[in-house]
N, C-alpha and C. Protein backbone atom coordinates (compact mmCIF):
# COMPACT_ATOMS: atom_id res chain seq x y z
N UNK A 1 -11.33 5.67 9.36
CA UNK A 1 -10.01 5.28 8.97
C UNK A 1 -9.48 4.13 9.83
N UNK A 2 -9.96 4.07 11.08
CA UNK A 2 -9.54 2.96 11.93
C UNK A 2 -10.02 1.62 11.36
N UNK A 3 -11.22 1.63 10.79
CA UNK A 3 -11.74 0.40 10.18
C UNK A 3 -10.84 -0.04 9.03
N UNK A 4 -10.40 0.90 8.21
CA UNK A 4 -9.51 0.58 7.09
C UNK A 4 -8.16 0.08 7.61
N UNK A 5 -7.70 0.63 8.74
CA UNK A 5 -6.46 0.18 9.35
C UNK A 5 -6.58 -1.28 9.78
N UNK A 6 -7.74 -1.64 10.37
CA UNK A 6 -7.98 -3.03 10.75
C UNK A 6 -7.99 -3.95 9.53
N UNK A 7 -8.65 -3.50 8.46
CA UNK A 7 -8.71 -4.31 7.24
C UNK A 7 -7.31 -4.54 6.68
N UNK A 8 -6.51 -3.49 6.66
CA UNK A 8 -5.14 -3.63 6.13
C UNK A 8 -4.34 -4.61 6.98
N UNK A 9 -4.49 -4.52 8.30
CA UNK A 9 -3.78 -5.44 9.19
C UNK A 9 -4.20 -6.88 8.94
N UNK A 10 -5.51 -7.11 8.78
CA UNK A 10 -6.01 -8.46 8.50
C UNK A 10 -5.48 -8.98 7.17
N UNK A 11 -5.43 -8.10 6.16
CA UNK A 11 -4.93 -8.50 4.84
C UNK A 11 -3.45 -8.87 4.91
N UNK A 12 -2.70 -8.10 5.67
CA UNK A 12 -1.27 -8.40 5.83
C UNK A 12 -1.08 -9.74 6.51
N UNK A 13 -1.80 -9.97 7.58
CA UNK A 13 -1.67 -11.24 8.31
C UNK A 13 -2.08 -12.43 7.44
N UNK A 14 -3.06 -12.24 6.57
CA UNK A 14 -3.57 -13.33 5.74
C UNK A 14 -2.78 -13.57 4.47
N UNK A 15 -1.83 -12.72 4.17
CA UNK A 15 -1.04 -12.84 2.94
C UNK A 15 0.08 -13.85 3.15
N UNK A 16 0.42 -14.56 2.09
CA UNK A 16 1.55 -15.49 2.20
C UNK A 16 2.67 -15.15 1.21
N UNK A 17 2.62 -13.95 0.64
CA UNK A 17 3.66 -13.58 -0.34
C UNK A 17 4.84 -12.87 0.33
N UNK A 18 4.79 -12.70 1.64
CA UNK A 18 5.88 -12.08 2.40
C UNK A 18 6.14 -12.97 3.61
N UNK A 19 7.37 -13.05 4.04
CA UNK A 19 7.74 -13.89 5.18
C UNK A 19 6.93 -13.51 6.43
N UNK A 20 6.57 -14.52 7.22
CA UNK A 20 5.71 -14.32 8.39
C UNK A 20 6.26 -13.26 9.34
N UNK A 21 7.57 -13.26 9.62
CA UNK A 21 8.10 -12.28 10.57
C UNK A 21 7.93 -10.85 10.07
N UNK A 22 8.01 -10.63 8.76
CA UNK A 22 7.78 -9.31 8.20
C UNK A 22 6.31 -8.93 8.27
N UNK A 23 5.43 -9.90 8.04
CA UNK A 23 3.98 -9.64 8.17
C UNK A 23 3.63 -9.29 9.60
N UNK A 24 4.18 -10.06 10.56
CA UNK A 24 3.90 -9.80 11.97
C UNK A 24 4.37 -8.41 12.38
N UNK A 25 5.55 -8.02 11.90
CA UNK A 25 6.08 -6.70 12.22
C UNK A 25 5.19 -5.60 11.64
N UNK A 26 4.75 -5.77 10.39
CA UNK A 26 3.89 -4.77 9.77
C UNK A 26 2.55 -4.66 10.50
N UNK A 27 1.97 -5.80 10.87
CA UNK A 27 0.69 -5.79 11.59
C UNK A 27 0.86 -5.16 12.98
N UNK A 28 1.97 -5.43 13.63
CA UNK A 28 2.24 -4.82 14.95
C UNK A 28 2.38 -3.31 14.81
N UNK A 29 3.01 -2.86 13.73
CA UNK A 29 3.15 -1.43 13.50
C UNK A 29 1.78 -0.78 13.31
N UNK A 30 0.91 -1.41 12.54
CA UNK A 30 -0.43 -0.86 12.36
C UNK A 30 -1.19 -0.82 13.68
N UNK A 31 -1.00 -1.82 14.53
CA UNK A 31 -1.61 -1.81 15.86
C UNK A 31 -1.08 -0.66 16.69
N UNK A 32 0.22 -0.40 16.60
CA UNK A 32 0.84 0.71 17.31
C UNK A 32 0.24 2.04 16.86
N UNK A 33 0.06 2.18 15.53
CA UNK A 33 -0.55 3.40 15.00
C UNK A 33 -1.95 3.59 15.57
N UNK A 34 -2.70 2.52 15.60
CA UNK A 34 -4.10 2.58 16.05
C UNK A 34 -4.23 2.99 17.51
N UNK A 35 -3.25 2.66 18.32
CA UNK A 35 -3.34 2.93 19.76
C UNK A 35 -2.83 4.32 20.12
N UNK A 36 -3.12 5.30 19.27
CA UNK A 36 -2.90 6.69 19.61
C UNK A 36 -1.52 7.24 19.33
N UNK A 37 -0.70 6.53 18.61
CA UNK A 37 0.64 7.04 18.33
C UNK A 37 0.69 7.90 17.07
N UNK A 38 -0.36 7.89 16.31
CA UNK A 38 -0.46 8.72 15.10
C UNK A 38 -1.91 9.19 14.97
N UNK A 39 -2.07 10.34 14.36
CA UNK A 39 -3.40 10.82 13.99
C UNK A 39 -3.53 10.65 12.49
N UNK A 40 -4.49 9.89 12.08
CA UNK A 40 -4.68 9.64 10.66
C UNK A 40 -5.36 10.86 10.03
N UNK A 41 -4.68 11.46 9.08
CA UNK A 41 -5.21 12.63 8.41
C UNK A 41 -5.86 12.29 7.08
N UNK A 42 -5.37 11.24 6.45
CA UNK A 42 -5.91 10.89 5.15
C UNK A 42 -5.44 9.53 4.69
N UNK A 43 -6.16 8.98 3.74
CA UNK A 43 -5.86 7.67 3.18
C UNK A 43 -6.15 7.75 1.69
N UNK A 44 -5.21 7.34 0.88
CA UNK A 44 -5.39 7.34 -0.56
C UNK A 44 -5.28 5.92 -1.08
N UNK A 45 -6.27 5.48 -1.82
CA UNK A 45 -6.31 4.12 -2.35
C UNK A 45 -5.84 4.16 -3.80
N UNK A 46 -4.73 3.50 -4.05
CA UNK A 46 -4.17 3.46 -5.40
C UNK A 46 -4.37 2.07 -5.99
N UNK A 47 -4.87 2.03 -7.20
CA UNK A 47 -5.08 0.77 -7.91
C UNK A 47 -4.05 0.66 -9.02
N UNK A 48 -3.43 -0.50 -9.13
CA UNK A 48 -2.45 -0.75 -10.18
C UNK A 48 -3.09 -1.68 -11.20
N UNK A 49 -3.17 -1.20 -12.42
CA UNK A 49 -3.72 -2.00 -13.52
C UNK A 49 -2.59 -2.28 -14.50
N UNK A 50 -2.53 -3.50 -14.98
CA UNK A 50 -1.46 -3.87 -15.90
C UNK A 50 -1.95 -3.81 -17.33
N UNK A 51 -1.19 -3.08 -18.15
CA UNK A 51 -1.48 -2.98 -19.56
C UNK A 51 -0.14 -3.02 -20.28
N UNK A 52 0.18 -4.15 -20.85
CA UNK A 52 1.49 -4.30 -21.48
C UNK A 52 2.56 -4.37 -20.41
N UNK A 53 3.68 -3.72 -20.67
CA UNK A 53 4.79 -3.80 -19.72
C UNK A 53 4.75 -2.71 -18.66
N UNK A 54 4.00 -1.64 -18.90
CA UNK A 54 3.97 -0.52 -17.95
C UNK A 54 2.68 -0.56 -17.13
N UNK A 55 2.80 -0.54 -15.80
CA UNK A 55 1.60 -0.51 -14.97
C UNK A 55 0.93 0.86 -15.04
N UNK A 56 -0.39 0.85 -14.96
CA UNK A 56 -1.17 2.08 -14.92
C UNK A 56 -1.66 2.25 -13.48
N UNK A 57 -1.36 3.39 -12.88
CA UNK A 57 -1.72 3.63 -11.49
C UNK A 57 -2.82 4.68 -11.47
N UNK A 58 -3.93 4.35 -10.81
CA UNK A 58 -5.05 5.29 -10.71
C UNK A 58 -5.49 5.42 -9.26
N UNK A 59 -5.97 6.59 -8.90
CA UNK A 59 -6.50 6.84 -7.57
C UNK A 59 -7.96 6.44 -7.57
N UNK A 60 -8.35 5.60 -6.62
CA UNK A 60 -9.76 5.24 -6.44
C UNK A 60 -10.35 6.23 -5.44
N UNK A 61 -10.92 7.31 -5.96
CA UNK A 61 -11.41 8.38 -5.09
C UNK A 61 -12.54 7.93 -4.19
N UNK A 62 -13.30 6.93 -4.62
CA UNK A 62 -14.41 6.46 -3.79
C UNK A 62 -13.92 5.74 -2.53
N UNK A 63 -12.67 5.28 -2.52
CA UNK A 63 -12.12 4.58 -1.36
C UNK A 63 -11.17 5.45 -0.55
N UNK A 64 -10.85 6.66 -1.04
CA UNK A 64 -9.95 7.55 -0.32
C UNK A 64 -10.70 8.18 0.85
N UNK A 65 -9.95 8.46 1.93
CA UNK A 65 -10.57 8.96 3.16
C UNK A 65 -9.87 10.21 3.65
N UNK A 66 -10.55 10.97 4.51
CA UNK A 66 -9.95 12.12 5.16
C UNK A 66 -9.50 13.19 4.18
N UNK A 67 -8.38 13.84 4.51
CA UNK A 67 -7.90 14.94 3.68
C UNK A 67 -7.60 14.52 2.25
N UNK A 68 -7.16 13.30 2.06
CA UNK A 68 -6.80 12.86 0.71
C UNK A 68 -8.02 12.53 -0.14
N UNK A 69 -9.19 12.61 0.45
CA UNK A 69 -10.41 12.42 -0.32
C UNK A 69 -10.67 13.64 -1.20
N UNK A 70 -10.14 14.80 -0.78
CA UNK A 70 -10.47 16.05 -1.46
C UNK A 70 -9.26 16.77 -2.06
N UNK A 71 -8.12 16.15 -2.07
CA UNK A 71 -6.95 16.82 -2.63
C UNK A 71 -6.03 15.83 -3.33
N UNK A 72 -5.24 16.37 -4.20
CA UNK A 72 -4.26 15.55 -4.93
C UNK A 72 -3.01 15.38 -4.08
N UNK A 73 -2.35 14.27 -4.26
CA UNK A 73 -1.09 14.01 -3.56
C UNK A 73 -0.05 13.55 -4.58
N UNK A 74 1.12 13.23 -4.08
CA UNK A 74 2.17 12.68 -4.94
C UNK A 74 2.10 11.15 -4.96
N UNK A 75 1.02 10.57 -4.46
CA UNK A 75 0.92 9.13 -4.34
C UNK A 75 1.18 8.38 -5.63
N UNK A 76 0.56 8.81 -6.72
CA UNK A 76 0.73 8.13 -8.00
C UNK A 76 2.18 8.23 -8.46
N UNK A 77 2.76 9.42 -8.37
CA UNK A 77 4.14 9.62 -8.81
C UNK A 77 5.10 8.81 -7.94
N UNK A 78 4.88 8.83 -6.62
CA UNK A 78 5.77 8.09 -5.72
C UNK A 78 5.70 6.58 -5.96
N UNK A 79 4.48 6.07 -6.15
CA UNK A 79 4.34 4.64 -6.40
C UNK A 79 4.95 4.27 -7.74
N UNK A 80 4.77 5.12 -8.75
CA UNK A 80 5.38 4.85 -10.06
C UNK A 80 6.91 4.78 -9.92
N UNK A 81 7.49 5.69 -9.14
CA UNK A 81 8.93 5.66 -8.92
C UNK A 81 9.35 4.38 -8.19
N UNK A 82 8.56 3.98 -7.18
CA UNK A 82 8.87 2.75 -6.47
C UNK A 82 8.81 1.54 -7.39
N UNK A 83 7.81 1.51 -8.26
CA UNK A 83 7.68 0.38 -9.18
C UNK A 83 8.79 0.37 -10.22
N UNK A 84 9.32 1.52 -10.56
CA UNK A 84 10.43 1.59 -11.52
C UNK A 84 11.71 1.00 -10.96
N UNK A 85 11.80 0.89 -9.65
CA UNK A 85 12.99 0.30 -9.02
C UNK A 85 13.15 -1.16 -9.44
N UNK A 86 12.04 -1.81 -9.78
CA UNK A 86 12.12 -3.23 -10.14
C UNK A 86 12.98 -3.47 -11.37
N UNK A 87 13.29 -2.42 -12.11
CA UNK A 87 14.16 -2.56 -13.27
C UNK A 87 15.52 -3.11 -12.86
N UNK A 88 15.95 -2.79 -11.63
CA UNK A 88 17.25 -3.22 -11.15
C UNK A 88 17.26 -4.65 -10.60
N UNK A 89 16.11 -5.29 -10.54
CA UNK A 89 16.05 -6.65 -10.00
C UNK A 89 16.44 -7.67 -11.06
N UNK A 90 16.98 -8.80 -10.61
CA UNK A 90 17.26 -9.86 -11.58
C UNK A 90 15.94 -10.54 -11.95
N UNK A 91 15.96 -11.40 -12.96
CA UNK A 91 14.73 -11.99 -13.49
C UNK A 91 13.95 -12.77 -12.44
N UNK A 92 14.62 -13.54 -11.59
CA UNK A 92 13.92 -14.34 -10.58
C UNK A 92 13.22 -13.44 -9.56
N UNK A 93 13.92 -12.40 -9.10
CA UNK A 93 13.30 -11.47 -8.15
C UNK A 93 12.14 -10.73 -8.78
N UNK A 94 12.28 -10.35 -10.02
CA UNK A 94 11.22 -9.65 -10.73
C UNK A 94 9.99 -10.54 -10.87
N UNK A 95 10.19 -11.82 -11.24
CA UNK A 95 9.06 -12.74 -11.34
C UNK A 95 8.36 -12.89 -9.99
N UNK A 96 9.14 -13.03 -8.92
CA UNK A 96 8.54 -13.16 -7.58
C UNK A 96 7.75 -11.92 -7.20
N UNK A 97 8.28 -10.75 -7.52
CA UNK A 97 7.59 -9.51 -7.20
C UNK A 97 6.29 -9.40 -7.99
N UNK A 98 6.34 -9.72 -9.27
CA UNK A 98 5.12 -9.66 -10.09
C UNK A 98 4.06 -10.63 -9.58
N UNK A 99 4.47 -11.83 -9.19
CA UNK A 99 3.51 -12.79 -8.65
C UNK A 99 2.90 -12.28 -7.36
N UNK A 100 3.70 -11.65 -6.51
CA UNK A 100 3.20 -11.13 -5.25
C UNK A 100 2.19 -10.01 -5.49
N UNK A 101 2.49 -9.13 -6.43
CA UNK A 101 1.56 -8.03 -6.73
C UNK A 101 0.27 -8.57 -7.30
N UNK A 102 0.36 -9.50 -8.21
CA UNK A 102 -0.85 -10.07 -8.80
C UNK A 102 -1.65 -10.85 -7.76
N UNK A 103 -0.97 -11.48 -6.83
CA UNK A 103 -1.66 -12.22 -5.77
C UNK A 103 -2.45 -11.27 -4.88
N UNK A 104 -2.06 -10.04 -4.83
CA UNK A 104 -2.77 -9.04 -4.03
C UNK A 104 -3.83 -8.35 -4.86
N UNK A 105 -4.32 -9.02 -5.89
CA UNK A 105 -5.37 -8.49 -6.76
C UNK A 105 -4.96 -7.20 -7.45
N UNK A 106 -3.63 -7.10 -7.71
CA UNK A 106 -3.10 -5.96 -8.43
C UNK A 106 -3.46 -4.63 -7.77
N UNK A 107 -3.56 -4.65 -6.45
CA UNK A 107 -3.92 -3.44 -5.74
C UNK A 107 -2.86 -3.11 -4.70
N UNK A 108 -2.41 -1.88 -4.71
CA UNK A 108 -1.49 -1.39 -3.70
C UNK A 108 -2.16 -0.22 -3.00
N UNK A 109 -1.86 -0.06 -1.73
CA UNK A 109 -2.48 1.00 -0.97
C UNK A 109 -1.41 1.93 -0.41
N UNK A 110 -1.80 3.15 -0.23
CA UNK A 110 -0.87 4.13 0.32
C UNK A 110 -1.64 5.00 1.29
N UNK A 111 -1.07 5.27 2.43
CA UNK A 111 -1.73 6.09 3.44
C UNK A 111 -0.93 7.35 3.73
N UNK A 112 -1.60 8.33 4.32
CA UNK A 112 -0.93 9.55 4.76
C UNK A 112 -1.32 9.80 6.19
N UNK A 113 -0.35 10.05 7.05
CA UNK A 113 -0.61 10.22 8.47
C UNK A 113 0.09 11.47 8.96
N UNK A 114 -0.43 11.99 10.05
CA UNK A 114 0.23 13.09 10.75
C UNK A 114 0.75 12.57 12.07
N UNK A 115 1.84 13.09 12.53
CA UNK A 115 2.44 12.61 13.78
C UNK A 115 1.86 13.33 14.97
N UNK A 116 1.59 12.60 16.01
CA UNK A 116 1.14 13.17 17.27
C UNK A 116 2.35 13.35 18.15
N UNK A 117 2.54 14.55 18.67
CA UNK A 117 3.71 14.82 19.52
C UNK A 117 3.59 14.15 20.86
């Protein structure tokens, strides 16, 4: 899971669809996680496929890790709810969001972690 954490950090740093200060903050957070502040229990890889106006969200079980490799989560439902929020965006914001998602190869990722006391 640490390898996947590194990959996610590299992808965030290499992306240009979000402001640099937000990317730096996200990458720093992932570094903080890696240095023993969280115990990674599972990772679920969600793929977003576009078909018409409604996105189709599927779990890529071959890329899921840890506990989430063997159990169902609310990941698909939660991501669907998050994507439904875009209904409230104006047309310009919605276009920007769609371009950003497509620029990321139409893939969104979701992780599950446990907190270390």
